[in-house]
Amino acid sequence: FGSAKFEVGPDINSLIDLGAMNSIVFEETW
C-alpha cells in the first residue's frame, strides 16, 4: 500500500531524496 520514496545518487551511500512525486513506477523489460 502507498507510494514510494524515489532516490538518485552517484552511489549507494550518496542518494538524494527527490521529494514529492506522483505516479512512481518500476518496470523491467527484455
Full PDB file with SEQRES, HELIX, SHEET, SSBOND, CRYST1, ORIGX, SCALE, CONECT and MASTER records, all heavy atoms in Angstrom:
SEQRES   1 A   30  PHE GLY SER ALA LYS PHE GLU VAL GLY PRO ASP ILE ASN          
SEQRES   2 A   30  SER LEU ILE ASP LEU GLY ALA MET ASN SER ILE VAL PHE          
SEQRES   3 A   30  GLU GLU THR TRP                                              
HELIX    1 AA1 ILE A   12  SER A   14  5                                   3    
SHEET    1 AA1 2 GLU A   7  VAL A   8  0                                        
SHEET    2 AA1 2 ILE A  16  ASP A  17 -1                                        
CRYST1    1.000    1.000    1.000  90.00  90.00  90.00 P 1           1          
ORIGX1      1.000000  0.000000  0.000000        0.00000                         
ORIGX2      0.000000  1.000000  0.000000        0.00000                         
ORIGX3      0.000000  0.000000  1.000000        0.00000                         
SCALE1      1.000000  0.000000  0.000000        0.00000                         
SCALE2      0.000000  1.000000  0.000000        0.00000                         
SCALE3      0.000000  0.000000  1.000000        0.00000                         
ATOM      1  N   PHE A   1       0.841  -1.191   0.000  1.00  0.00           N  
ATOM      2  CA  PHE A   1       0.000   0.000   0.000  1.00  0.00           C  
ATOM      3  C   PHE A   1       0.882   1.249   0.000  1.00  0.00           C  
ATOM      4  O   PHE A   1       1.980   1.263   0.549  1.00  0.00           O  
ATOM      5  CB  PHE A   1      -0.908   0.017   1.234  1.00  0.00           C  
ATOM      6  CG  PHE A   1      -1.951  -1.067   1.249  1.00  0.00           C  
ATOM      7  CD1 PHE A   1      -1.717  -2.261   1.921  1.00  0.00           C  
ATOM      8  CD2 PHE A   1      -3.156  -0.900   0.585  1.00  0.00           C  
ATOM      9  CE1 PHE A   1      -2.680  -3.264   1.937  1.00  0.00           C  
ATOM     10  CE2 PHE A   1      -4.118  -1.899   0.585  1.00  0.00           C  
ATOM     11  CZ  PHE A   1      -3.875  -3.084   1.267  1.00  0.00           C  
ATOM     12  N   GLY A   2       0.360   2.297  -0.598  1.00  0.00           N  
ATOM     13  CA  GLY A   2       1.071   3.575  -0.567  1.00  0.00           C  
ATOM     14  C   GLY A   2       2.053   3.728  -1.703  1.00  0.00           C  
ATOM     15  O   GLY A   2       2.295   2.810  -2.496  1.00  0.00           O  
ATOM     16  N   SER A   3       2.625   4.929  -1.781  1.00  0.00           N  
ATOM     17  CA  SER A   3       3.575   5.244  -2.831  1.00  0.00           C  
ATOM     18  C   SER A   3       4.988   4.868  -2.381  1.00  0.00           C  
ATOM     19  O   SER A   3       5.162   3.908  -1.619  1.00  0.00           O  
ATOM     20  CB  SER A   3       3.472   6.739  -3.183  1.00  0.00           C  
ATOM     21  OG  SER A   3       4.295   7.054  -4.291  1.00  0.00           O  
ATOM     22  N   ALA A   4       5.987   5.601  -2.840  1.00  0.00           N  
ATOM     23  CA  ALA A   4       7.364   5.263  -2.519  1.00  0.00           C  
ATOM     24  C   ALA A   4       8.230   6.518  -2.518  1.00  0.00           C  
ATOM     25  O   ALA A   4       7.858   7.549  -3.077  1.00  0.00           O  
ATOM     26  CB  ALA A   4       7.918   4.255  -3.534  1.00  0.00           C  
ATOM     27  N   LYS A   5       9.356   6.398  -1.888  1.00  0.00           N  
ATOM     28  CA  LYS A   5      10.388   7.432  -1.941  1.00  0.00           C  
ATOM     29  C   LYS A   5      11.320   7.129  -3.099  1.00  0.00           C  
ATOM     30  O   LYS A   5      11.781   6.001  -3.250  1.00  0.00           O  
ATOM     31  CB  LYS A   5      11.170   7.471  -0.617  1.00  0.00           C  
ATOM     32  CG  LYS A   5      12.331   8.446  -0.604  1.00  0.00           C  
ATOM     33  CD  LYS A   5      12.952   8.558   0.786  1.00  0.00           C  
ATOM     34  CE  LYS A   5      13.635   7.290   1.218  1.00  0.00           C  
ATOM     35  NZ  LYS A   5      14.365   7.463   2.503  1.00  0.00           N  
ATOM     36  N   PHE A   6      11.598   8.124  -3.920  1.00  0.00           N  
ATOM     37  CA  PHE A   6      12.466   7.966  -5.099  1.00  0.00           C  
ATOM     38  C   PHE A   6      13.786   8.674  -4.787  1.00  0.00           C  
ATOM     39  O   PHE A   6      13.806   9.855  -4.458  1.00  0.00           O  
ATOM     40  CB  PHE A   6      11.769   8.619  -6.299  1.00  0.00           C  
ATOM     41  CG  PHE A   6      12.323   8.274  -7.657  1.00  0.00           C  
ATOM     42  CD1 PHE A   6      11.529   8.439  -8.790  1.00  0.00           C  
ATOM     43  CD2 PHE A   6      13.621   7.814  -7.845  1.00  0.00           C  
ATOM     44  CE1 PHE A   6      12.003   8.137 -10.059  1.00  0.00           C  
ATOM     45  CE2 PHE A   6      14.109   7.499  -9.102  1.00  0.00           C  
ATOM     46  CZ  PHE A   6      13.298   7.673 -10.215  1.00  0.00           C  
ATOM     47  N   GLU A   7      14.878   7.920  -4.897  1.00  0.00           N  
ATOM     48  CA  GLU A   7      16.211   8.476  -4.620  1.00  0.00           C  
ATOM     49  C   GLU A   7      17.135   8.217  -5.808  1.00  0.00           C  
ATOM     50  O   GLU A   7      17.036   7.190  -6.477  1.00  0.00           O  
ATOM     51  CB  GLU A   7      16.817   7.843  -3.379  1.00  0.00           C  
ATOM     52  CG  GLU A   7      16.037   8.077  -2.101  1.00  0.00           C  
ATOM     53  CD  GLU A   7      16.577   7.237  -0.957  1.00  0.00           C  
ATOM     54  OE1 GLU A   7      16.285   6.026  -0.931  1.00  0.00           O  
ATOM     55  OE2 GLU A   7      17.281   7.800  -0.096  1.00  0.00           O  
ATOM     56  N   VAL A   8      18.051   9.153  -6.025  1.00  0.00           N  
ATOM     57  CA  VAL A   8      19.066   9.017  -7.074  1.00  0.00           C  
ATOM     58  C   VAL A   8      20.383   9.570  -6.528  1.00  0.00           C  
ATOM     59  O   VAL A   8      20.388  10.567  -5.797  1.00  0.00           O  
ATOM     60  CB  VAL A   8      18.671   9.783  -8.356  1.00  0.00           C  
ATOM     61  CG1 VAL A   8      19.793   9.719  -9.393  1.00  0.00           C  
ATOM     62  CG2 VAL A   8      17.385   9.230  -8.950  1.00  0.00           C  
ATOM     63  N   GLY A   9      21.485   8.937  -6.916  1.00  0.00           N  
ATOM     64  CA  GLY A   9      22.780   9.454  -6.491  1.00  0.00           C  
ATOM     65  C   GLY A   9      23.915   8.773  -7.214  1.00  0.00           C  
ATOM     66  O   GLY A   9      23.711   7.785  -7.934  1.00  0.00           O  
ATOM     67  N   PRO A  10      25.123   9.286  -7.029  1.00  0.00           N  
ATOM     68  CA  PRO A  10      26.288   8.690  -7.700  1.00  0.00           C  
ATOM     69  C   PRO A  10      26.614   7.287  -7.225  1.00  0.00           C  
ATOM     70  O   PRO A  10      27.220   6.501  -7.957  1.00  0.00           O  
ATOM     71  CB  PRO A  10      27.440   9.652  -7.375  1.00  0.00           C  
ATOM     72  CG  PRO A  10      26.898  10.719  -6.518  1.00  0.00           C  
ATOM     73  CD  PRO A  10      25.449  10.512  -6.296  1.00  0.00           C  
ATOM     74  N   ASP A  11      26.233   6.954  -5.970  1.00  0.00           N  
ATOM     75  CA  ASP A  11      26.473   5.619  -5.431  1.00  0.00           C  
ATOM     76  C   ASP A  11      25.463   5.355  -4.324  1.00  0.00           C  
ATOM     77  O   ASP A  11      24.688   6.234  -3.932  1.00  0.00           O  
ATOM     78  CB  ASP A  11      27.918   5.460  -4.931  1.00  0.00           C  
ATOM     79  CG  ASP A  11      28.303   6.533  -3.929  1.00  0.00           C  
ATOM     80  OD1 ASP A  11      27.655   6.612  -2.866  1.00  0.00           O  
ATOM     81  OD2 ASP A  11      29.252   7.302  -4.206  1.00  0.00           O  
ATOM     82  N   ILE A  12      25.496   4.147  -3.791  1.00  0.00           N  
ATOM     83  CA  ILE A  12      24.532   3.734  -2.779  1.00  0.00           C  
ATOM     84  C   ILE A  12      24.579   4.638  -1.549  1.00  0.00           C  
ATOM     85  O   ILE A  12      23.563   4.896  -0.899  1.00  0.00           O  
ATOM     86  CB  ILE A  12      24.802   2.268  -2.358  1.00  0.00           C  
ATOM     87  CG1 ILE A  12      24.413   1.315  -3.488  1.00  0.00           C  
ATOM     88  CG2 ILE A  12      24.048   1.903  -1.097  1.00  0.00           C  
ATOM     89  CD1 ILE A  12      22.934   1.199  -3.722  1.00  0.00           C  
ATOM     90  N   ASN A  13      25.763   5.127  -1.210  1.00  0.00           N  
ATOM     91  CA  ASN A  13      25.939   5.906   0.011  1.00  0.00           C  
ATOM     92  C   ASN A  13      25.693   7.399  -0.180  1.00  0.00           C  
ATOM     93  O   ASN A  13      25.860   8.174   0.772  1.00  0.00           O  
ATOM     94  CB  ASN A  13      27.347   5.691   0.570  1.00  0.00           C  
ATOM     95  CG  ASN A  13      27.610   4.246   0.944  1.00  0.00           C  
ATOM     96  OD1 ASN A  13      26.768   3.603   1.571  1.00  0.00           O  
ATOM     97  ND2 ASN A  13      28.756   3.719   0.552  1.00  0.00           N  
ATOM     98  N   SER A  14      25.318   7.829  -1.386  1.00  0.00           N  
ATOM     99  CA  SER A  14      25.153   9.259  -1.662  1.00  0.00           C  
ATOM    100  C   SER A  14      23.823   9.539  -2.354  1.00  0.00           C  
ATOM    101  O   SER A  14      23.750  10.392  -3.241  1.00  0.00           O  
ATOM    102  CB  SER A  14      26.313   9.757  -2.546  1.00  0.00           C  
ATOM    103  OG  SER A  14      27.556   9.458  -1.965  1.00  0.00           O  
ATOM    104  N   LEU A  15      22.778   8.841  -1.948  1.00  0.00           N  
ATOM    105  CA  LEU A  15      21.484   9.002  -2.597  1.00  0.00           C  
ATOM    106  C   LEU A  15      20.781  10.269  -2.113  1.00  0.00           C  
ATOM    107  O   LEU A  15      20.852  10.632  -0.940  1.00  0.00           O  
ATOM    108  CB  LEU A  15      20.594   7.791  -2.324  1.00  0.00           C  
ATOM    109  CG  LEU A  15      21.105   6.457  -2.897  1.00  0.00           C  
ATOM    110  CD1 LEU A  15      20.180   5.324  -2.465  1.00  0.00           C  
ATOM    111  CD2 LEU A  15      21.202   6.525  -4.407  1.00  0.00           C  
ATOM    112  N   ILE A  16      20.102  10.950  -3.026  1.00  0.00           N  
ATOM    113  CA  ILE A  16      19.349  12.164  -2.738  1.00  0.00           C  
ATOM    114  C   ILE A  16      17.859  11.863  -2.893  1.00  0.00           C  
ATOM    115  O   ILE A  16      17.427  11.331  -3.920  1.00  0.00           O  
ATOM    116  CB  ILE A  16      19.761  13.299  -3.691  1.00  0.00           C  
ATOM    117  CG1 ILE A  16      21.225  13.688  -3.468  1.00  0.00           C  
ATOM    118  CG2 ILE A  16      18.866  14.520  -3.516  1.00  0.00           C  
ATOM    119  CD1 ILE A  16      21.748  14.664  -4.496  1.00  0.00           C  
ATOM    120  N   ASP A  17      17.089  12.216  -1.891  1.00  0.00           N  
ATOM    121  CA  ASP A  17      15.633  12.044  -1.933  1.00  0.00           C  
ATOM    122  C   ASP A  17      15.047  13.095  -2.876  1.00  0.00           C  
ATOM    123  O   ASP A  17      15.239  14.295  -2.680  1.00  0.00           O  
ATOM    124  CB  ASP A  17      15.075  12.219  -0.515  1.00  0.00           C  
ATOM    125  CG  ASP A  17      13.588  11.928  -0.408  1.00  0.00           C  
ATOM    126  OD1 ASP A  17      12.915  11.849  -1.453  1.00  0.00           O  
ATOM    127  OD2 ASP A  17      13.101  11.800   0.728  1.00  0.00           O  
ATOM    128  N   LEU A  18      14.325  12.660  -3.918  1.00  0.00           N  
ATOM    129  CA  LEU A  18      13.764  13.599  -4.889  1.00  0.00           C  
ATOM    130  C   LEU A  18      12.545  14.337  -4.348  1.00  0.00           C  
ATOM    131  O   LEU A  18      12.123  15.339  -4.938  1.00  0.00           O  
ATOM    132  CB  LEU A  18      13.387  12.873  -6.182  1.00  0.00           C  
ATOM    133  CG  LEU A  18      14.490  12.075  -6.875  1.00  0.00           C  
ATOM    134  CD1 LEU A  18      14.019  11.653  -8.271  1.00  0.00           C  
ATOM    135  CD2 LEU A  18      15.788  12.844  -6.959  1.00  0.00           C  
ATOM    136  N   GLY A  19      11.964  13.870  -3.252  1.00  0.00           N  
ATOM    137  CA  GLY A  19      10.859  14.596  -2.635  1.00  0.00           C  
ATOM    138  C   GLY A  19       9.503  14.215  -3.206  1.00  0.00           C  
ATOM    139  O   GLY A  19       9.271  13.081  -3.637  1.00  0.00           O  
ATOM    140  N   ALA A  20       8.596  15.202  -3.241  1.00  0.00           N  
ATOM    141  CA  ALA A  20       7.198  14.948  -3.614  1.00  0.00           C  
ATOM    142  C   ALA A  20       7.081  14.561  -5.081  1.00  0.00           C  
ATOM    143  O   ALA A  20       7.600  15.255  -5.967  1.00  0.00           O  
ATOM    144  CB  ALA A  20       6.349  16.182  -3.338  1.00  0.00           C  
ATOM    145  N   MET A  21       6.364  13.449  -5.342  1.00  0.00           N  
ATOM    146  CA  MET A  21       6.196  12.941  -6.699  1.00  0.00           C  
ATOM    147  C   MET A  21       4.833  12.270  -6.843  1.00  0.00           C  
ATOM    148  O   MET A  21       4.207  11.882  -5.854  1.00  0.00           O  
ATOM    149  CB  MET A  21       7.296  11.934  -7.052  1.00  0.00           C  
ATOM    150  CG  MET A  21       8.702  12.490  -6.990  1.00  0.00           C  
ATOM    151  SD  MET A  21       9.963  11.314  -7.559  1.00  0.00           S  
ATOM    152  CE  MET A  21       9.637  11.282  -9.330  1.00  0.00           C  
ATOM    153  N   ASN A  22       4.402  12.114  -8.066  1.00  0.00           N  
ATOM    154  CA  ASN A  22       3.226  11.321  -8.420  1.00  0.00           C  
ATOM    155  C   ASN A  22       3.644  10.165  -9.316  1.00  0.00           C  
ATOM    156  O   ASN A  22       4.664  10.234 -10.011  1.00  0.00           O  
ATOM    157  CB  ASN A  22       2.194  12.165  -9.180  1.00  0.00           C  
ATOM    158  CG  ASN A  22       1.349  13.030  -8.268  1.00  0.00           C  
ATOM    159  OD1 ASN A  22       1.299  12.819  -7.058  1.00  0.00           O  
ATOM    160  ND2 ASN A  22       0.678  14.019  -8.838  1.00  0.00           N  
ATOM    161  N   SER A  23       2.832   9.112  -9.313  1.00  0.00           N  
ATOM    162  CA  SER A  23       2.896   8.037 -10.318  1.00  0.00           C  
ATOM    163  C   SER A  23       4.268   7.381 -10.406  1.00  0.00           C  
ATOM    164  O   SER A  23       4.834   7.210 -11.492  1.00  0.00           O  
ATOM    165  CB  SER A  23       2.492   8.589 -11.695  1.00  0.00           C  
ATOM    166  OG  SER A  23       1.236   9.207 -11.645  1.00  0.00           O  
ATOM    167  N   ILE A  24       4.830   6.974  -9.258  1.00  0.00           N  
ATOM    168  CA  ILE A  24       6.133   6.291  -9.254  1.00  0.00           C  
ATOM    169  C   ILE A  24       5.940   4.836  -9.691  1.00  0.00           C  
ATOM    170  O   ILE A  24       5.079   4.126  -9.173  1.00  0.00           O  
ATOM    171  CB  ILE A  24       6.783   6.369  -7.867  1.00  0.00           C  
ATOM    172  CG1 ILE A  24       7.093   7.829  -7.527  1.00  0.00           C  
ATOM    173  CG2 ILE A  24       8.047   5.522  -7.804  1.00  0.00           C  
ATOM    174  CD1 ILE A  24       7.607   8.040  -6.122  1.00  0.00           C  
ATOM    175  N   VAL A  25       6.753   4.406 -10.659  1.00  0.00           N  
ATOM    176  CA  VAL A  25       6.595   3.083 -11.272  1.00  0.00           C  
ATOM    177  C   VAL A  25       7.969   2.443 -11.467  1.00  0.00           C  
ATOM    178  O   VAL A  25       8.924   3.119 -11.887  1.00  0.00           O  
ATOM    179  CB  VAL A  25       5.892   3.188 -12.644  1.00  0.00           C  
ATOM    180  CG1 VAL A  25       5.821   1.822 -13.317  1.00  0.00           C  
ATOM    181  CG2 VAL A  25       4.499   3.786 -12.501  1.00  0.00           C  
ATOM    182  N   PHE A  26       8.065   1.139 -11.177  1.00  0.00           N  
ATOM    183  CA  PHE A  26       9.223   0.328 -11.563  1.00  0.00           C  
ATOM    184  C   PHE A  26       8.805  -0.597 -12.694  1.00  0.00           C  
ATOM    185  O   PHE A  26       7.728  -1.187 -12.662  1.00  0.00           O  
ATOM    186  CB  PHE A  26       9.726  -0.509 -10.386  1.00  0.00           C  
ATOM    187  CG  PHE A  26      10.714  -1.567 -10.784  1.00  0.00           C  
ATOM    188  CD1 PHE A  26      12.027  -1.248 -11.071  1.00  0.00           C  
ATOM    189  CD2 PHE A  26      10.319  -2.901 -10.905  1.00  0.00           C  
ATOM    190  CE1 PHE A  26      12.942  -2.234 -11.461  1.00  0.00           C  
ATOM    191  CE2 PHE A  26      11.216  -3.888 -11.284  1.00  0.00           C  
ATOM    192  CZ  PHE A  26      12.533  -3.549 -11.552  1.00  0.00           C  
ATOM    193  N   GLU A  27       9.694  -0.752 -13.688  1.00  0.00           N  
ATOM    194  CA  GLU A  27       9.378  -1.608 -14.834  1.00  0.00           C  
ATOM    195  C   GLU A  27      10.630  -2.361 -15.270  1.00  0.00           C  
ATOM    196  O   GLU A  27      11.714  -1.778 -15.369  1.00  0.00           O  
ATOM    197  CB  GLU A  27       8.861  -0.756 -15.995  1.00  0.00           C  
ATOM    198  CG  GLU A  27       8.507  -1.553 -17.231  1.00  0.00           C  
ATOM    199  CD  GLU A  27       8.077  -0.673 -18.385  1.00  0.00           C  
ATOM    200  OE1 GLU A  27       8.610   0.457 -18.512  1.00  0.00           O  
ATOM    201  OE2 GLU A  27       7.219  -1.099 -19.174  1.00  0.00           O  
ATOM    202  N   GLU A  28      10.450  -3.633 -15.551  1.00  0.00           N  
ATOM    203  CA  GLU A  28      11.517  -4.473 -16.104  1.00  0.00           C  
ATOM    204  C   GLU A  28      11.070  -4.986 -17.466  1.00  0.00           C  
ATOM    205  O   GLU A  28       9.919  -5.400 -17.629  1.00  0.00           O  
ATOM    206  CB  GLU A  28      11.796  -5.654 -15.175  1.00  0.00           C  
ATOM    207  CG  GLU A  28      12.833  -6.629 -15.709  1.00  0.00           C  
ATOM    208  CD  GLU A  28      12.882  -7.923 -14.917  1.00  0.00           C  
ATOM    209  OE1 GLU A  28      11.888  -8.237 -14.219  1.00  0.00           O  
ATOM    210  OE2 GLU A  28      13.906  -8.626 -15.010  1.00  0.00           O  
ATOM    211  N   THR A  29      11.974  -4.966 -18.460  1.00  0.00           N  
ATOM    212  CA  THR A  29      11.640  -5.484 -19.790  1.00  0.00           C  
ATOM    213  C   THR A  29      12.838  -6.243 -20.358  1.00  0.00           C  
ATOM    214  O   THR A  29      13.977  -6.072 -19.923  1.00  0.00           O  
ATOM    215  CB  THR A  29      11.260  -4.349 -20.766  1.00  0.00           C  
ATOM    216  OG1 THR A  29      12.389  -3.486 -20.951  1.00  0.00           O  
ATOM    217  CG2 THR A  29      10.076  -3.538 -20.252  1.00  0.00           C  
ATOM    218  N   TRP A  30      12.538  -7.098 -21.355  1.00  0.00           N  
ATOM    219  CA  TRP A  30      13.585  -7.756 -22.135  1.00  0.00           C  
ATOM    220  C   TRP A  30      13.013  -8.185 -23.472  1.00  0.00           C  
ATOM    221  O   TRP A  30      11.793  -8.180 -23.671  1.00  0.00           O  
ATOM    222  CB  TRP A  30      14.168  -8.962 -21.392  1.00  0.00           C  
ATOM    223  CG  TRP A  30      13.197 -10.060 -21.077  1.00  0.00           C  
ATOM    224  CD1 TRP A  30      12.607 -10.936 -21.939  1.00  0.00           C  
ATOM    225  CD2 TRP A  30      12.707 -10.405 -19.779  1.00  0.00           C  
ATOM    226  NE1 TRP A  30      11.791 -11.806 -21.286  1.00  0.00           N  
ATOM    227  CE2 TRP A  30      11.828 -11.512 -19.948  1.00  0.00           C  
ATOM    228  CE3 TRP A  30      12.932  -9.910 -18.499  1.00  0.00           C  
ATOM    229  CZ2 TRP A  30      11.183 -12.102 -18.869  1.00  0.00           C  
ATOM    230  CZ3 TRP A  30      12.282 -10.499 -17.433  1.00  0.00           C  
ATOM    231  CH2 TRP A  30      11.415 -11.583 -17.632  1.00  0.00           C  
TER     232      TRP A  30                                                      
MASTER        0    0    0    1    2    0    0    6  231    1    0    3          
END                                                                             
